[in-house]
Structures are given as C-alpha cells and as structure tokens.
Amino acid sequence: MMRLIFAAMSGALFGAGLLISGMTDPARVQGWLDIFGDWDPTLGFVMAGAILPMAVAWRIAARRAVSFTGRALPTPPNPVIDRNLVTGAVLFGLGWGIAGLCPGPAMASLGFGGLPFAVFFLSMAAGMILFGLWNRR
C-alpha cells in the first residue's frame, strides 16, 4: 500500500512540475531544439532543476540496500554504449523533436490535450508494447 501512495505522490509531483514549467507544451520543447532559430531555454532550466535533487537521491540510494518502502532497489544500468542504446536514443530523439513530447509530458497532457495528444500517447504505448514483444524473441 505504501508503494502505491509513494507512486501516486511522485507522479502527482512530477506531473505538476511538468505543467508549471510548461513542458507539456510541444512548442516549448521544440523551441529548445531550435538552436539556430527562436531558441527557448526553458527546458534547460527544468533539466538543471532536476539534476540537484537527483544527485542527492543517487547518493542516498547508493548507501541503502532497500528503498523507503522496503523493496529492493534496482540494479544500476549497464554502462556499455551498444547498438541498441544508440538506436533507441536516436528514435527517442527523433520522436521527441517531431512531436515535442516524451512519455512523461505525453501522459500529463492526456487530461487536457485532446485528440492529438491521445493519438500520440496511444502510438507511443503501441511502440513500447511492440518493442517488448520484439525484444522477447
């Protein structure tokens, strides 16, 4: 039960941060990527604002065997840069640049974004499911 409460609180905090910072607006994200045109530095401030709390969280997690909810912490990610990582990063970046959305803002936008956001979210979810099926084989 505590795990669900922490998940709900974390999701609400993350979603509120996305809304307040304007990161649910695809034009703002695309403005960040438009470095030779009408550049918008907002995303840089959002990223910088996330680095400090995450650095603290990683330091705390490194000293713990279990999470605050009593479950095992996930193992650190594989540091190897391979073909799958590069391919995934390129696909993610292309989708992010074209649509101006990534999974978090896409989910946060479902409540107010209308049909275009719903189509994007469903397409993104279908891609994740297809990858999961492909990766199992």
Protein backbone atom coordinates (compact mmCIF):
# COMPACT_ATOMS: atom_id res chain seq x y z
CA MET A 1 0.00 0.00 0.00
CA MET A 2 2.83 2.41 0.86
CA ARG A 3 4.35 1.74 -2.53
CA LEU A 4 1.14 2.89 -4.24
CA ILE A 5 0.97 6.01 -2.07
CA PHE A 6 4.59 6.92 -2.88
CA ALA A 7 3.96 6.24 -6.58
CA ALA A 8 0.86 8.45 -6.60
CA MET A 9 2.62 11.26 -4.74
CA SER A 10 5.67 11.07 -7.02
CA GLY A 11 3.53 11.01 -10.15
CA ALA A 12 1.44 13.96 -8.98
CA LEU A 13 4.57 15.96 -8.12
CA PHE A 14 6.19 15.14 -11.47
CA GLY A 15 3.01 15.99 -13.40
CA ALA A 16 2.59 19.26 -11.52
CA GLY A 17 6.20 20.16 -12.30
CA LEU A 18 5.64 19.45 -15.98
CA LEU A 19 2.51 21.60 -16.06
CA ILE A 20 4.00 24.52 -14.11
CA SER A 21 7.21 24.53 -16.18
CA GLY A 22 5.29 24.40 -19.46
CA MET A 23 6.90 21.13 -20.57
CA THR A 24 3.52 19.78 -21.68
CA ASP A 25 3.59 22.37 -24.47
CA PRO A 26 5.25 20.77 -27.52
CA ALA A 27 6.15 24.20 -28.91
CA ARG A 28 8.29 24.90 -25.85
CA VAL A 29 10.22 21.65 -26.26
CA GLN A 30 10.64 22.23 -29.98
CA GLY A 31 11.83 25.76 -29.15
CA TRP A 32 14.61 24.20 -27.02
CA LEU A 33 15.71 22.15 -30.01
CA ASP A 34 15.62 25.15 -32.39
CA ILE A 35 19.11 26.39 -31.50
CA PHE A 36 19.55 28.38 -34.74
CA GLY A 37 16.09 29.96 -34.73
CA ASP A 38 13.77 31.11 -31.99
CA TRP A 39 15.56 29.24 -29.16
CA ASP A 40 13.68 28.77 -25.87
CA PRO A 41 15.96 27.97 -22.87
CA THR A 42 13.10 26.84 -20.59
CA LEU A 43 13.85 23.11 -20.91
CA GLY A 44 17.45 23.75 -19.87
CA PHE A 45 16.25 25.33 -16.61
CA VAL A 46 13.91 22.39 -16.00
CA MET A 47 16.76 19.92 -16.57
CA ALA A 48 19.11 21.89 -14.32
CA GLY A 49 16.44 21.97 -11.63
CA ALA A 50 16.19 18.18 -11.78
CA ILE A 51 19.92 17.48 -11.56
CA LEU A 52 20.46 18.59 -7.95
CA PRO A 53 17.66 16.55 -6.32
CA MET A 54 18.57 13.50 -8.42
CA ALA A 55 22.24 13.78 -7.46
CA VAL A 56 21.20 13.79 -3.80
CA ALA A 57 18.80 10.86 -4.36
CA TRP A 58 21.52 8.80 -6.07
CA ARG A 59 23.92 9.44 -3.16
CA ILE A 60 21.29 8.34 -0.65
CA ALA A 61 20.32 5.28 -2.71
CA ALA A 62 23.96 4.20 -3.04
CA ARG A 63 24.13 3.80 0.74
CA ARG A 64 20.89 1.81 1.08
CA ALA A 65 20.08 -1.83 0.42
CA VAL A 66 16.32 -1.29 0.15
CA SER A 67 14.01 1.56 -0.79
CA PHE A 68 11.97 3.61 1.71
CA THR A 69 9.06 1.25 1.01
CA GLY A 70 11.17 -1.80 1.91
CA ARG A 71 11.65 -3.16 -1.60
CA ALA A 72 14.97 -3.94 -3.22
CA LEU A 73 16.50 -1.08 -5.19
CA PRO A 74 17.01 -1.71 -8.90
CA THR A 75 20.48 -2.58 -10.07
CA PRO A 76 22.44 0.23 -11.76
CA PRO A 77 22.02 0.38 -15.53
CA ASN A 78 24.56 -1.23 -17.83
CA PRO A 79 27.17 1.46 -18.66
CA VAL A 80 28.02 -0.10 -22.03
CA ILE A 81 27.09 2.00 -25.05
CA ASP A 82 25.89 -0.50 -27.64
CA ARG A 83 23.86 -0.55 -30.84
CA ASN A 84 20.53 -0.91 -29.00
CA LEU A 85 21.23 2.11 -26.79
CA VAL A 86 22.27 4.31 -29.72
CA THR A 87 19.34 3.17 -31.89
CA GLY A 88 16.87 3.75 -29.07
CA ALA A 89 18.33 7.17 -28.30
CA VAL A 90 18.10 8.21 -31.96
CA LEU A 91 14.48 7.02 -32.26
CA PHE A 92 13.54 8.71 -28.98
CA GLY A 93 15.21 11.96 -30.08
CA LEU A 94 13.52 11.94 -33.47
CA GLY A 95 10.11 11.34 -31.93
CA TRP A 96 10.75 13.97 -29.26
CA GLY A 97 11.86 16.52 -31.85
CA ILE A 98 8.96 15.88 -34.22
CA ALA A 99 6.19 15.72 -31.63
CA GLY A 100 7.71 17.86 -28.87
CA LEU A 101 6.63 15.27 -26.31
CA CYS A 102 8.25 12.42 -24.41
CA PRO A 103 6.46 9.85 -22.21
CA GLY A 104 6.05 11.98 -19.06
CA PRO A 105 4.60 15.10 -20.69
CA ALA A 106 2.53 12.95 -23.06
CA MET A 107 0.86 11.25 -20.10
CA ALA A 108 0.40 14.55 -18.25
CA SER A 109 -1.20 16.06 -21.38
CA LEU A 110 -3.85 13.37 -21.69
CA GLY A 111 -6.19 15.23 -19.36
CA PHE A 112 -6.34 18.44 -21.36
CA GLY A 113 -4.63 17.93 -24.72
CA GLY A 114 -7.45 16.45 -26.73
CA LEU A 115 -7.29 14.00 -29.61
CA PRO A 116 -3.77 14.79 -30.92
CA PHE A 117 -2.24 14.02 -27.52
CA ALA A 118 -4.32 10.86 -27.16
CA VAL A 119 -3.21 9.65 -30.61
CA PHE A 120 0.43 10.35 -29.73
CA PHE A 121 0.12 8.56 -26.38
CA LEU A 122 -1.58 5.50 -27.90
CA SER A 123 1.04 5.34 -30.67
CA MET A 124 3.83 5.62 -28.12
CA ALA A 125 2.28 2.87 -25.97
CA ALA A 126 1.87 0.63 -29.04
CA GLY A 127 5.54 1.15 -29.89
CA MET A 128 6.55 0.19 -26.36
CA ILE A 129 4.40 -2.94 -26.47
CA LEU A 130 5.75 -3.92 -29.89
CA PHE A 131 9.31 -3.45 -28.68
CA GLY A 132 8.59 -5.63 -25.66
CA LEU A 133 7.29 -8.39 -27.91
CA TRP A 134 10.20 -7.98 -30.33
CA ASN A 135 12.76 -7.98 -27.53
CA ARG A 136 11.42 -11.27 -26.07
CA ARG A 137 12.15 -13.27 -29.20
